[in-house]
Amino acid sequence: MKVINFGSLNLDYVYQVKTLAQPGETVPCDTMTRFPGGKGANQSVALARAGIQVWHAGMLGAGDEWMRSLLQEAGIDIRFVRLSETWPSGHAIIQVDARGMNSIIVYGGANQHIPHSFIAQVLDEAQEGDWLVLQNEINLTPELLKAGKAAGMKICFNPAPFTADVLDFPLDCVDVFILNEIEAAGLARRPVGMDLDDLAEELQAAFPESMICITLGADGAVCRSPETGLVRQSAFATRVVDTTAAGDTFTGYFLAEIARRAPVQAALEIACKAAAVTISRHGAIPSIPTRQEVNDFMT
């Protein structure tokens, strides 16, 4: 069993500020650092560091071959990380304030110009029972959902960033949804702030054969499935330095455990521990812990 993550590859430009800039406001920046990132790349690294065999499929701009090497060093199979001669790599502009909170603008670049023919090239290597991981930072996501299901794969979908067109995707193909509160409300067509138990119940009713996992930041996470009902996990206290990639780390570690058929409660616990380690460090990929670091956390 392997995981194929068809996802984004970005360069993250991280600006440390005292407070996040508000509309019409200009704020000074204390430092600027460039990190490798992108939700797809972050989740692949988290999966690999959690000990799962993962292949990454995606597009980089020409001149950014160094990111392929970085993924390979993390233990990821990079045979399907291709270079675009036409489009630059995607990148993100990230503000991080003194509390570790962030605000992100994403430019798609090569992530949004993946050719349709690439789907067959990648999924021809899939076997029945393999996992396909998708986010919403690349083009062709609806086509990938259908193709993955047709290939007999299990599909984990993290619809981030959440956009209105997600509601038109073939979401009945999804086995596991991983959502934050905003994405969960959007998927349920409900306002943000709705009672969490009611929200999870509505999503389960809308997708009765799927597992619904909702991350809650400092409040931990909940998961609901037909087999387990509602399962809760509190967050683990740690010093918050930078929340970038916390959700992606959670996704990688949670799915790694689910793919190993671990109990949902155990999967939530290790994923919340991994996210806690991540937010205590700067950057995206550099902040994602190894399995040993997660095992050692609060032991």
C-alpha atoms as a PDB file:
ATOM      1  CA  MET A   1       0.000   0.000   0.000  1.00  0.00           C
ATOM      2  CA  LYS A   2       1.252   3.441  -0.915  1.00  0.00           C
ATOM      3  CA  VAL A   3      -0.043   6.989  -0.864  1.00  0.00           C
ATOM      4  CA  ILE A   4       0.002   9.103  -4.022  1.00  0.00           C
ATOM      5  CA  ASN A   5      -0.276  12.780  -3.134  1.00  0.00           C
ATOM      6  CA  PHE A   6      -1.235  14.782  -6.217  1.00  0.00           C
ATOM      7  CA  GLY A   7      -0.616  18.201  -4.747  1.00  0.00           C
ATOM      8  CA  SER A   8       0.887  21.656  -4.777  1.00  0.00           C
ATOM      9  CA  LEU A   9       4.543  22.621  -4.554  1.00  0.00           C
ATOM     10  CA  ASN A  10       5.187  26.180  -3.392  1.00  0.00           C
ATOM     11  CA  LEU A  11       7.861  28.532  -2.231  1.00  0.00           C
ATOM     12  CA  ASP A  12       6.758  30.188   1.008  1.00  0.00           C
ATOM     13  CA  TYR A  13       7.865  33.771   1.661  1.00  0.00           C
ATOM     14  CA  VAL A  14       7.331  34.250   5.395  1.00  0.00           C
ATOM     15  CA  TYR A  15       7.194  37.767   6.874  1.00  0.00           C
ATOM     16  CA  GLN A  16       7.439  38.147  10.656  1.00  0.00           C
ATOM     17  CA  VAL A  17       5.242  41.035  11.802  1.00  0.00           C
ATOM     18  CA  LYS A  18       4.003  42.232  15.183  1.00  0.00           C
ATOM     19  CA  THR A  19       0.365  42.242  13.994  1.00  0.00           C
ATOM     20  CA  LEU A  20      -1.254  40.989  10.787  1.00  0.00           C
ATOM     21  CA  ALA A  21      -1.883  43.766   8.277  1.00  0.00           C
ATOM     22  CA  GLN A  22      -5.524  44.841   8.103  1.00  0.00           C
ATOM     23  CA  PRO A  23      -7.265  46.237   4.970  1.00  0.00           C
ATOM     24  CA  GLY A  24      -5.723  49.608   4.106  1.00  0.00           C
ATOM     25  CA  GLU A  25      -2.921  49.187   6.647  1.00  0.00           C
ATOM     26  CA  THR A  26       0.845  49.014   6.080  1.00  0.00           C
ATOM     27  CA  VAL A  27       2.905  47.275   8.759  1.00  0.00           C
ATOM     28  CA  PRO A  28       6.678  46.909   9.118  1.00  0.00           C
ATOM     29  CA  CYS A  29       8.279  43.485   8.736  1.00  0.00           C
ATOM     30  CA  ASP A  30      10.917  42.282  11.186  1.00  0.00           C
ATOM     31  CA  THR A  31      12.341  39.461   9.054  1.00  0.00           C
ATOM     32  CA  MET A  32      11.654  37.679   5.753  1.00  0.00           C
ATOM     33  CA  THR A  33      12.548  34.020   5.163  1.00  0.00           C
ATOM     34  CA  ARG A  34      11.987  31.717   2.199  1.00  0.00           C
ATOM     35  CA  PHE A  35      10.921  28.139   2.910  1.00  0.00           C
ATOM     36  CA  PRO A  36       9.805  25.239   0.720  1.00  0.00           C
ATOM     37  CA  GLY A  37       6.094  24.568   1.181  1.00  0.00           C
ATOM     38  CA  GLY A  38       2.695  24.204  -0.443  1.00  0.00           C
ATOM     39  CA  LYS A  39      -0.082  22.152   1.114  1.00  0.00           C
ATOM     40  CA  GLY A  40       0.738  19.226  -1.132  1.00  0.00           C
ATOM     41  CA  ALA A  41       4.448  19.197  -0.364  1.00  0.00           C
ATOM     42  CA  ASN A  42       3.830  19.741   3.357  1.00  0.00           C
ATOM     43  CA  GLN A  43       1.432  16.808   3.527  1.00  0.00           C
ATOM     44  CA  SER A  44       3.795  14.539   1.585  1.00  0.00           C
ATOM     45  CA  VAL A  45       6.620  15.331   3.992  1.00  0.00           C
ATOM     46  CA  ALA A  46       4.329  14.713   6.974  1.00  0.00           C
ATOM     47  CA  LEU A  47       3.264  11.362   5.514  1.00  0.00           C
ATOM     48  CA  ALA A  48       6.868  10.355   4.861  1.00  0.00           C
ATOM     49  CA  ARG A  49       8.034  11.414   8.331  1.00  0.00           C
ATOM     50  CA  ALA A  50       5.106   9.473   9.786  1.00  0.00           C
ATOM     51  CA  GLY A  51       6.566   6.387   8.096  1.00  0.00           C
ATOM     52  CA  ILE A  52       4.270   5.875   5.092  1.00  0.00           C
ATOM     53  CA  GLN A  53       5.438   5.181   1.527  1.00  0.00           C
ATOM     54  CA  VAL A  54       4.424   8.300  -0.391  1.00  0.00           C
ATOM     55  CA  TRP A  55       4.774   9.355  -4.015  1.00  0.00           C
ATOM     56  CA  HIS A  56       4.342  13.031  -4.805  1.00  0.00           C
ATOM     57  CA  ALA A  57       2.912  14.170  -8.138  1.00  0.00           C
ATOM     58  CA  GLY A  58       2.999  17.842  -9.087  1.00  0.00           C
ATOM     59  CA  MET A  59       4.601  20.650 -11.043  1.00  0.00           C
ATOM     60  CA  LEU A  60       7.416  23.073 -10.296  1.00  0.00           C
ATOM     61  CA  GLY A  61       8.736  25.972 -12.319  1.00  0.00           C
ATOM     62  CA  ALA A  62      11.991  25.453 -14.190  1.00  0.00           C
ATOM     63  CA  GLY A  63      14.906  26.432 -11.973  1.00  0.00           C
ATOM     64  CA  ASP A  64      13.415  25.034  -8.774  1.00  0.00           C
ATOM     65  CA  GLU A  65      14.849  21.530  -9.101  1.00  0.00           C
ATOM     66  CA  TRP A  66      16.235  21.923  -5.577  1.00  0.00           C
ATOM     67  CA  MET A  67      12.748  21.251  -4.225  1.00  0.00           C
ATOM     68  CA  ARG A  68      12.739  17.847  -5.901  1.00  0.00           C
ATOM     69  CA  SER A  69      15.952  17.004  -4.067  1.00  0.00           C
ATOM     70  CA  LEU A  70      14.519  18.229  -0.776  1.00  0.00           C
ATOM     71  CA  LEU A  71      11.445  15.998  -1.146  1.00  0.00           C
ATOM     72  CA  GLN A  72      13.620  13.041  -2.044  1.00  0.00           C
ATOM     73  CA  GLU A  73      15.781  13.629   1.032  1.00  0.00           C
ATOM     74  CA  ALA A  74      12.582  13.512   3.112  1.00  0.00           C
ATOM     75  CA  GLY A  75      11.936   9.978   1.808  1.00  0.00           C
ATOM     76  CA  ILE A  76       9.371  10.856  -0.879  1.00  0.00           C
ATOM     77  CA  ASP A  77       9.288   9.197  -4.294  1.00  0.00           C
ATOM     78  CA  ILE A  78       9.657  12.087  -6.768  1.00  0.00           C
ATOM     79  CA  ARG A  79       9.291  10.271 -10.093  1.00  0.00           C
ATOM     80  CA  PHE A  80       6.180  12.356 -10.836  1.00  0.00           C
ATOM     81  CA  VAL A  81       7.473  15.765  -9.751  1.00  0.00           C
ATOM     82  CA  ARG A  82       7.800  17.512 -13.112  1.00  0.00           C
ATOM     83  CA  LEU A  83       9.213  20.859 -14.213  1.00  0.00           C
ATOM     84  CA  SER A  84       7.199  23.385 -16.238  1.00  0.00           C
ATOM     85  CA  GLU A  85       9.050  25.348 -18.900  1.00  0.00           C
ATOM     86  CA  THR A  86       6.152  27.818 -19.143  1.00  0.00           C
ATOM     87  CA  TRP A  87       4.990  28.661 -15.627  1.00  0.00           C
ATOM     88  CA  PRO A  88       6.925  29.632 -12.495  1.00  0.00           C
ATOM     89  CA  SER A  89       6.513  27.663  -9.286  1.00  0.00           C
ATOM     90  CA  GLY A  90       3.579  28.513  -7.085  1.00  0.00           C
ATOM     91  CA  HIS A  91       4.361  30.632  -4.085  1.00  0.00           C
ATOM     92  CA  ALA A  92       2.761  31.897  -0.904  1.00  0.00           C
ATOM     93  CA  ILE A  93       3.058  35.223   0.896  1.00  0.00           C
ATOM     94  CA  ILE A  94       2.690  34.479   4.606  1.00  0.00           C
ATOM     95  CA  GLN A  95       2.383  36.971   7.448  1.00  0.00           C
ATOM     96  CA  VAL A  96       3.161  35.540  10.894  1.00  0.00           C
ATOM     97  CA  ASP A  97       2.408  37.722  13.923  1.00  0.00           C
ATOM     98  CA  ALA A  98       3.851  37.799  17.426  1.00  0.00           C
ATOM     99  CA  ARG A  99       1.319  35.179  18.597  1.00  0.00           C
ATOM    100  CA  GLY A 100       2.250  32.774  15.794  1.00  0.00           C
ATOM    101  CA  MET A 101      -1.007  33.360  13.897  1.00  0.00           C
ATOM    102  CA  ASN A 102      -0.779  33.685  10.131  1.00  0.00           C
ATOM    103  CA  SER A 103      -2.448  35.133   7.034  1.00  0.00           C
ATOM    104  CA  ILE A 104      -1.643  33.612   3.633  1.00  0.00           C
ATOM    105  CA  ILE A 105      -1.949  34.617  -0.030  1.00  0.00           C
ATOM    106  CA  VAL A 106      -1.271  31.830  -2.552  1.00  0.00           C
ATOM    107  CA  TYR A 107      -0.238  32.235  -6.209  1.00  0.00           C
ATOM    108  CA  GLY A 108      -0.869  29.003  -8.110  1.00  0.00           C
ATOM    109  CA  GLY A 109       1.745  29.214 -10.871  1.00  0.00           C
ATOM    110  CA  ALA A 110       2.668  25.782 -12.234  1.00  0.00           C
ATOM    111  CA  ASN A 111       0.294  24.144  -9.731  1.00  0.00           C
ATOM    112  CA  GLN A 112      -2.649  25.466 -11.747  1.00  0.00           C
ATOM    113  CA  HIS A 113      -1.353  24.320 -15.131  1.00  0.00           C
ATOM    114  CA  ILE A 114      -0.972  20.563 -14.758  1.00  0.00           C
ATOM    115  CA  PRO A 115      -1.831  18.875 -18.097  1.00  0.00           C
ATOM    116  CA  HIS A 116      -4.757  16.443 -18.163  1.00  0.00           C
ATOM    117  CA  SER A 117      -2.535  13.722 -19.639  1.00  0.00           C
ATOM    118  CA  PHE A 118      -0.515  13.726 -16.413  1.00  0.00           C
ATOM    119  CA  ILE A 119      -3.412  12.121 -14.509  1.00  0.00           C
ATOM    120  CA  ALA A 120      -3.208   8.868 -16.445  1.00  0.00           C
ATOM    121  CA  GLN A 121       0.588   8.818 -16.282  1.00  0.00           C
ATOM    122  CA  VAL A 122       0.470   8.944 -12.492  1.00  0.00           C
ATOM    123  CA  LEU A 123      -2.582   6.831 -11.707  1.00  0.00           C
ATOM    124  CA  ASP A 124      -1.512   4.061 -14.077  1.00  0.00           C
ATOM    125  CA  GLU A 125       1.020   3.294 -11.329  1.00  0.00           C
ATOM    126  CA  ALA A 126      -1.693   2.983  -8.666  1.00  0.00           C
ATOM    127  CA  GLN A 127      -2.920  -0.310  -7.288  1.00  0.00           C
ATOM    128  CA  GLU A 128      -6.329  -1.016  -5.834  1.00  0.00           C
ATOM    129  CA  GLY A 129      -6.334  -0.036  -2.162  1.00  0.00           C
ATOM    130  CA  ASP A 130      -3.681   2.669  -2.551  1.00  0.00           C
ATOM    131  CA  TRP A 131      -4.566   6.107  -1.182  1.00  0.00           C
ATOM    132  CA  LEU A 132      -4.901   9.287  -3.243  1.00  0.00           C
ATOM    133  CA  VAL A 133      -4.447  12.539  -1.312  1.00  0.00           C
ATOM    134  CA  LEU A 134      -5.799  15.785  -2.748  1.00  0.00           C
ATOM    135  CA  GLN A 135      -6.052  19.414  -1.649  1.00  0.00           C
ATOM    136  CA  ASN A 136      -7.477  22.409  -3.531  1.00  0.00           C
ATOM    137  CA  GLU A 137      -4.279  24.146  -4.652  1.00  0.00           C
ATOM    138  CA  ILE A 138      -3.973  22.478  -8.080  1.00  0.00           C
ATOM    139  CA  ASN A 139      -6.166  22.298 -11.181  1.00  0.00           C
ATOM    140  CA  LEU A 140      -7.897  19.070 -12.269  1.00  0.00           C
ATOM    141  CA  THR A 141      -9.079  18.127  -8.768  1.00  0.00           C
ATOM    142  CA  PRO A 142     -12.568  17.000  -9.940  1.00  0.00           C
ATOM    143  CA  GLU A 143     -10.967  14.869 -12.652  1.00  0.00           C
ATOM    144  CA  LEU A 144      -8.559  13.365 -10.133  1.00  0.00           C
ATOM    145  CA  LEU A 145     -11.377  12.487  -7.742  1.00  0.00           C
ATOM    146  CA  LYS A 146     -13.160  10.544 -10.491  1.00  0.00           C
ATOM    147  CA  ALA A 147      -9.995   8.916 -11.828  1.00  0.00           C
ATOM    148  CA  GLY A 148      -8.810   7.881  -8.365  1.00  0.00           C
ATOM    149  CA  LYS A 149     -12.143   6.257  -7.542  1.00  0.00           C
ATOM    150  CA  ALA A 150     -12.209   4.497 -10.938  1.00  0.00           C
ATOM    151  CA  ALA A 151      -8.740   3.099 -10.185  1.00  0.00           C
ATOM    152  CA  GLY A 152     -10.006   1.567  -6.935  1.00  0.00           C
ATOM    153  CA  MET A 153      -8.092   3.982  -4.729  1.00  0.00           C
ATOM    154  CA  LYS A 154      -9.166   5.334  -1.359  1.00  0.00           C
ATOM    155  CA  ILE A 155      -9.341   9.124  -1.410  1.00  0.00           C
ATOM    156  CA  CYS A 156      -8.500  11.677   1.269  1.00  0.00           C
ATOM    157  CA  PHE A 157      -9.549  15.223   0.389  1.00  0.00           C
ATOM    158  CA  ASN A 158      -8.550  18.387   2.221  1.00  0.00           C
ATOM    159  CA  PRO A 159     -10.531  21.124   0.380  1.00  0.00           C
ATOM    160  CA  ALA A 160      -8.158  23.950   1.246  1.00  0.00           C
ATOM    161  CA  PRO A 161      -8.414  26.685   0.321  1.00  0.00           C
ATOM    162  CA  PHE A 162     -12.181  26.284   0.317  1.00  0.00           C
ATOM    163  CA  THR A 163     -13.831  27.818  -2.751  1.00  0.00           C
ATOM    164  CA  ALA A 164     -17.456  27.748  -3.903  1.00  0.00           C
ATOM    165  CA  ASP A 165     -16.698  25.391  -6.788  1.00  0.00           C
ATOM    166  CA  VAL A 166     -15.732  22.652  -4.316  1.00  0.00           C
ATOM    167  CA  LEU A 167     -19.454  22.072  -3.834  1.00  0.00           C
ATOM    168  CA  ASP A 168     -19.669  21.021  -7.498  1.00  0.00           C
ATOM    169  CA  PHE A 169     -16.844  18.460  -7.216  1.00  0.00           C
ATOM    170  CA  PRO A 170     -17.758  14.729  -7.263  1.00  0.00           C
ATOM    171  CA  LEU A 171     -17.471  14.553  -3.476  1.00  0.00           C
ATOM    172  CA  ASP A 172     -19.145  11.152  -3.262  1.00  0.00           C
ATOM    173  CA  CYS A 173     -15.742   9.790  -4.332  1.00  0.00           C
ATOM    174  CA  VAL A 174     -14.147  10.884  -1.039  1.00  0.00           C
ATOM    175  CA  ASP A 175     -13.464   8.358   1.741  1.00  0.00           C
ATOM    176  CA  VAL A 176     -11.915  10.774   4.264  1.00  0.00           C
ATOM    177  CA  PHE A 177     -12.526  14.510   4.521  1.00  0.00           C
ATOM    178  CA  ILE A 178     -10.057  16.537   6.598  1.00  0.00           C
ATOM    179  CA  LEU A 179     -11.426  20.024   7.245  1.00  0.00           C
ATOM    180  CA  ASN A 180     -10.883  23.016   9.462  1.00  0.00           C
ATOM    181  CA  GLU A 181     -13.936  24.786  10.862  1.00  0.00           C
ATOM    182  CA  ILE A 182     -14.214  27.197   7.909  1.00  0.00           C
ATOM    183  CA  GLU A 183     -13.961  24.387   5.353  1.00  0.00           C
ATOM    184  CA  ALA A 184     -16.433  22.239   7.298  1.00  0.00           C
ATOM    185  CA  ALA A 185     -18.978  25.085   7.415  1.00  0.00           C
ATOM    186  CA  GLY A 186     -18.503  25.757   3.706  1.00  0.00           C
ATOM    187  CA  LEU A 187     -18.961  22.107   2.817  1.00  0.00           C
ATOM    188  CA  ALA A 188     -22.152  21.953   4.900  1.00  0.00           C
ATOM    189  CA  ARG A 189     -23.355  25.284   3.416  1.00  0.00           C
ATOM    190  CA  ARG A 190     -23.629  26.613   6.958  1.00  0.00           C
ATOM    191  CA  PRO A 191     -22.293  29.773   8.667  1.00  0.00           C
ATOM    192  CA  VAL A 192     -19.004  29.591  10.530  1.00  0.00           C
ATOM    193  CA  GLY A 193     -19.602  29.219  14.257  1.00  0.00           C
ATOM    194  CA  MET A 194     -22.342  26.628  14.026  1.00  0.00           C
ATOM    195  CA  ASP A 195     -22.484  24.095  16.876  1.00  0.00           C
ATOM    196  CA  LEU A 196     -19.728  21.591  16.155  1.00  0.00           C
ATOM    197  CA  ASP A 197     -21.690  18.442  16.974  1.00  0.00           C
ATOM    198  CA  ASP A 198     -24.542  19.566  14.715  1.00  0.00           C
ATOM    199  CA  LEU A 199     -22.076  20.455  11.949  1.00  0.00           C
ATOM    200  CA  ALA A 200     -20.370  17.059  12.096  1.00  0.00           C
ATOM    201  CA  GLU A 201     -23.747  15.325  12.131  1.00  0.00           C
ATOM    202  CA  GLU A 202     -24.931  17.255   9.060  1.00  0.00           C
ATOM    203  CA  LEU A 203     -21.757  16.447   7.154  1.00  0.00           C
ATOM    204  CA  GLN A 204     -22.072  12.778   8.068  1.00  0.00           C
ATOM    205  CA  ALA A 205     -25.645  12.803   6.790  1.00  0.00           C
ATOM    206  CA  ALA A 206     -24.509  14.452   3.538  1.00  0.00           C
ATOM    207  CA  PHE A 207     -21.643  11.965   3.090  1.00  0.00           C
ATOM    208  CA  PRO A 208     -22.853   8.846   4.901  1.00  0.00           C
ATOM    209  CA  GLU A 209     -20.030   6.579   3.721  1.00  0.00           C
ATOM    210  CA  SER A 210     -17.212   9.024   4.476  1.00  0.00           C
ATOM    211  CA  MET A 211     -15.093   9.757   7.530  1.00  0.00           C
ATOM    212  CA  ILE A 212     -15.356  13.417   8.565  1.00  0.00           C
ATOM    213  CA  CYS A 213     -12.396  14.861  10.485  1.00  0.00           C
ATOM    214  CA  ILE A 214     -12.547  18.488  11.662  1.00  0.00           C
ATOM    215  CA  THR A 215      -9.495  20.237  13.086  1.00  0.00           C
ATOM    216  CA  LEU A 216     -10.141  22.872  15.742  1.00  0.00           C
ATOM    217  CA  GLY A 217      -6.765  24.508  16.348  1.00  0.00           C
ATOM    218  CA  ALA A 218      -6.211  25.025  20.064  1.00  0.00           C
ATOM    219  CA  ASP A 219      -9.328  22.921  20.771  1.00  0.00           C
ATOM    220  CA  GLY A 220      -7.938  19.792  19.123  1.00  0.00           C
ATOM    221  CA  ALA A 221      -9.973  17.791  16.611  1.00  0.00           C
ATOM    222  CA  VAL A 222     -13.074  15.658  16.211  1.00  0.00           C
ATOM    223  CA  CYS A 223     -13.825  12.811  13.860  1.00  0.00           C
ATOM    224  CA  ARG A 224     -17.105  11.215  12.889  1.00  0.00           C
ATOM    225  CA  SER A 225     -17.678   8.065  10.853  1.00  0.00           C
ATOM    226  CA  PRO A 226     -20.454   5.487  10.495  1.00  0.00           C
ATOM    227  CA  GLU A 227     -18.337   2.967  12.430  1.00  0.00           C
ATOM    228  CA  THR A 228     -17.149   5.109  15.346  1.00  0.00           C
ATOM    229  CA  GLY A 229     -19.668   7.891  15.795  1.00  0.00           C
ATOM    230  CA  LEU A 230     -18.144  11.114  17.172  1.00  0.00           C
ATOM    231  CA  VAL A 231     -14.593  10.876  18.575  1.00  0.00           C
ATOM    232  CA  ARG A 232     -12.871  13.845  20.248  1.00  0.00           C
ATOM    233  CA  GLN A 233      -9.239  14.696  20.913  1.00  0.00           C
ATOM    234  CA  SER A 234      -7.922  17.695  22.860  1.00  0.00           C
ATOM    235  CA  ALA A 235      -4.931  19.687  21.631  1.00  0.00           C
ATOM    236  CA  PHE A 236      -1.569  19.399  23.371  1.00  0.00           C
ATOM    237  CA  ALA A 237      -0.182  22.515  25.027  1.00  0.00           C
ATOM    238  CA  THR A 238       2.998  23.931  23.553  1.00  0.00           C
ATOM    239  CA  ARG A 239       4.673  27.270  22.876  1.00  0.00           C
ATOM    240  CA  VAL A 240       3.197  28.736  19.670  1.00  0.00           C
ATOM    241  CA  VAL A 241       5.853  30.094  17.305  1.00  0.00           C
ATOM    242  CA  ASP A 242       4.286  29.672  13.851  1.00  0.00           C
ATOM    243  CA  THR A 243       1.035  27.867  12.964  1.00  0.00           C
ATOM    244  CA  THR A 244       2.013  27.445   9.283  1.00  0.00           C
ATOM    245  CA  ALA A 245       1.751  23.761   8.204  1.00  0.00           C
ATOM    246  CA  ALA A 246       0.071  22.655  11.443  1.00  0.00           C
ATOM    247  CA  GLY A 247      -3.007  21.473   9.539  1.00  0.00           C
ATOM    248  CA  ASP A 248      -0.886  19.758   6.882  1.00  0.00           C
ATOM    249  CA  THR A 249       1.133  17.975   9.545  1.00  0.00           C
ATOM    250  CA  PHE A 250      -2.094  16.831  11.184  1.00  0.00           C
ATOM    251  CA  THR A 251      -3.361  15.561   7.818  1.00  0.00           C
ATOM    252  CA  GLY A 252      -0.220  13.567   7.059  1.00  0.00           C
ATOM    253  CA  TYR A 253       0.014  11.940  10.470  1.00  0.00           C
ATOM    254  CA  PHE A 254      -3.731  11.265  10.756  1.00  0.00           C
ATOM    255  CA  LEU A 255      -3.919   9.632   7.341  1.00  0.00           C
ATOM    256  CA  ALA A 256      -0.762   7.611   8.003  1.00  0.00           C
ATOM    257  CA  GLU A 257      -2.453   6.070  11.040  1.00  0.00           C
ATOM    258  CA  ILE A 258      -5.781   5.525   9.273  1.00  0.00           C
ATOM    259  CA  ALA A 259      -3.941   3.842   6.365  1.00  0.00           C
ATOM    260  CA  ARG A 260      -2.357   1.502   8.927  1.00  0.00           C
ATOM    261  CA  ARG A 261      -5.883   0.770  10.224  1.00  0.00           C
ATOM    262  CA  ALA A 262      -5.154   2.306  13.626  1.00  0.00           C
ATOM    263  CA  PRO A 263      -8.163   3.199  15.821  1.00  0.00           C
ATOM    264  CA  VAL A 264      -9.501   6.684  15.121  1.00  0.00           C
ATOM    265  CA  GLN A 265      -8.764   7.859  18.685  1.00  0.00           C
ATOM    266  CA  ALA A 266      -5.118   6.822  18.348  1.00  0.00           C
ATOM    267  CA  ALA A 267      -4.874   8.515  14.944  1.00  0.00           C
ATOM    268  CA  LEU A 268      -6.285  11.764  16.338  1.00  0.00           C
ATOM    269  CA  GLU A 269      -3.920  11.695  19.302  1.00  0.00           C
ATOM    270  CA  ILE A 270      -0.730  11.249  17.293  1.00  0.00           C
ATOM    271  CA  ALA A 271      -1.869  13.794  14.677  1.00  0.00           C
ATOM    272  CA  CYS A 272      -2.557  16.404  17.383  1.00  0.00           C
ATOM    273  CA  LYS A 273       0.853  15.707  18.951  1.00  0.00           C
ATOM    274  CA  ALA A 274       2.555  16.137  15.574  1.00  0.00           C
ATOM    275  CA  ALA A 275       0.728  19.427  14.985  1.00  0.00           C
ATOM    276  CA  ALA A 276       1.787  20.640  18.441  1.00  0.00           C
ATOM    277  CA  VAL A 277       5.440  20.038  17.580  1.00  0.00           C
ATOM    278  CA  THR A 278       5.004  21.853  14.266  1.00  0.00           C
ATOM    279  CA  ILE A 279       3.603  25.060  15.770  1.00  0.00           C
ATOM    280  CA  SER A 280       6.564  25.275  18.149  1.00  0.00           C
ATOM    281  CA  ARG A 281       8.901  25.815  15.161  1.00  0.00           C
ATOM    282  CA  HIS A 282       9.321  28.247  12.272  1.00  0.00           C
ATOM    283  CA  GLY A 283       8.482  27.510   8.642  1.00  0.00           C
ATOM    284  CA  ALA A 284       6.461  24.867   6.842  1.00  0.00           C
ATOM    285  CA  ILE A 285       8.446  21.774   5.801  1.00  0.00           C
ATOM    286  CA  PRO A 286      11.315  22.503   8.243  1.00  0.00           C
ATOM    287  CA  SER A 287       8.817  22.473  11.129  1.00  0.00           C
ATOM    288  CA  ILE A 288       7.281  19.052  10.413  1.00  0.00           C
ATOM    289  CA  PRO A 289       8.502  16.512  12.992  1.00  0.00           C
ATOM    290  CA  THR A 290       9.811  12.999  12.504  1.00  0.00           C
ATOM    291  CA  ARG A 291       7.911  10.070  13.965  1.00  0.00           C
ATOM    292  CA  GLN A 292      10.512   9.773  16.732  1.00  0.00           C
ATOM    293  CA  GLU A 293      10.071  13.424  17.679  1.00  0.00           C
ATOM    294  CA  VAL A 294       6.309  12.901  17.883  1.00  0.00           C
ATOM    295  CA  ASN A 295       6.763   9.764  19.983  1.00  0.00           C
ATOM    296  CA  ASP A 296       9.064  11.675  22.332  1.00  0.00           C
ATOM    297  CA  PHE A 297       6.653  14.615  22.693  1.00  0.00           C
ATOM    298  CA  MET A 298       5.261  14.858  26.236  1.00  0.00           C
ATOM    299  CA  THR A 299       6.463  11.386  27.227  1.00  0.00           C
END
